[in-house]
């Protein structure tokens, strides 16, 4: 330990950064829950090797993740999610000519309502079926929809990323210079929702013209000359419309949406929240606690009114992916806070002026970190506290919130890989050089446009 602690601060920082990056890269490579668990190795090296006092994991963020995930998983277990998906399919099948524009909006809005992009898996076979039966190159709506489903996370009232960013911006220990008039939750969504929707529109417009039409695509035409391949490509229709969903599933959907609406109203009107006096100052209950209470309430109401078997909640995809996100945020945020807290003065001196003079560099750093950790919430938990510590304006963080989505850069994210498999025509694919895959351009276009729109919205709101 003495050998390591006797090194210069710059050398210690370099070694510690290398350890943290190795943990992140290896954790991301192993996937799943490993990303959070690898944080334990980083913490061991930092604390026992460099005598760095352990920092603080993002407890508020983690508890909110838990509440939101349980509510969303309960919605799925109760069948309320199936109602949303059926409504979405009905919209798409009525307007097949505009599939490339509508499908990305449908998947984005589903994510905004449910707080997770995993709802896209059910929609992809439907989008493919509509596209191939109407002579539309499947790559166009499918790649756009996969990207848009993830882009919608930062615009969701119940997503882990929005909750994380809200909690960090409202935490006086992390954000030493809070924005005047910024209450966090609703004010953040007032920037991220319109900027995200404009980004999704840009993705749809670009995708409308990408690639060759199927009748002019030599590879596709050669493939369908084989009768077996033609049968495989066109196949049977996938649809939810034939299913008659019971009334109780509609009740489940309205309970969940009602809880979201109440949270939004309480965020917009602080006077409706309970008032508490602390240290001589009376303030309304903060939005982090409000979200947690009403998400738990939504889950409880779903169990009570739909007579749901509670044991089913922990067995679905939303619950499993949410718990993985919880562990990832725990390990990553704790490791990052431990390392960066002790080196913040040095980093502020060396990086602060660069980021302050060139705010767009913050967006690039956040984008790359998101790719490393494959999670928007984990990227926010790891980088936003550091950014605030070295002097990045909170307004910049709000404006460039969409930059937390960067894991489309390499086609390794589950929703993108699944989309490739769902596209039996072979038009959605990974290119020869890996980086030239079907998702890279829609992803870059969506994030860049969202960041530009977010910047001007934040400017108009007086945050910059």
Foldseek 3Di string as FASTA:
>chain_A
DVVLQVDDPVVNLVVLVVLLLVLLQVQVVVDFLSLLVSLVVSVCCCCVVNVFDFDDFPVLLLLLLVLLLLLLLLLVLLQLLLVLLQVLLVVCLVCLVLLLQSLLVSLLVSCQLRQASPSVLLVLLSSLQSQVVVQHLSLRNLLLNLLSNVLSNCLHLRHSLLLLLQSQLPDCVLQVDHDPPPQRRLVLNVLSVVLLSVLSNLSSVVSRPDDDRQVPDPVLVVQVVPVVLVCLQNDDHDHPNVDDDDPLSNVLNCLSVVLSVVLNVCSVPVVVADWDDDPNDIGGDRSSVVSSVSSNVSSVCSCVSSVGDSVSSCVDDSNSNSVSVSSNSRSQLRSLRSSLVVCLVVCLVVPVVVCVVPVVVLLVVLLVLCLSNVDLSSSCSRPVSSCSSSPRQSLSCSLLSSSNHNNVQAQPDPSLVSSCVSNSSNPQAQDPVRRPGSNNVSNVSSSVSSSVSSNVVSVVVVSD
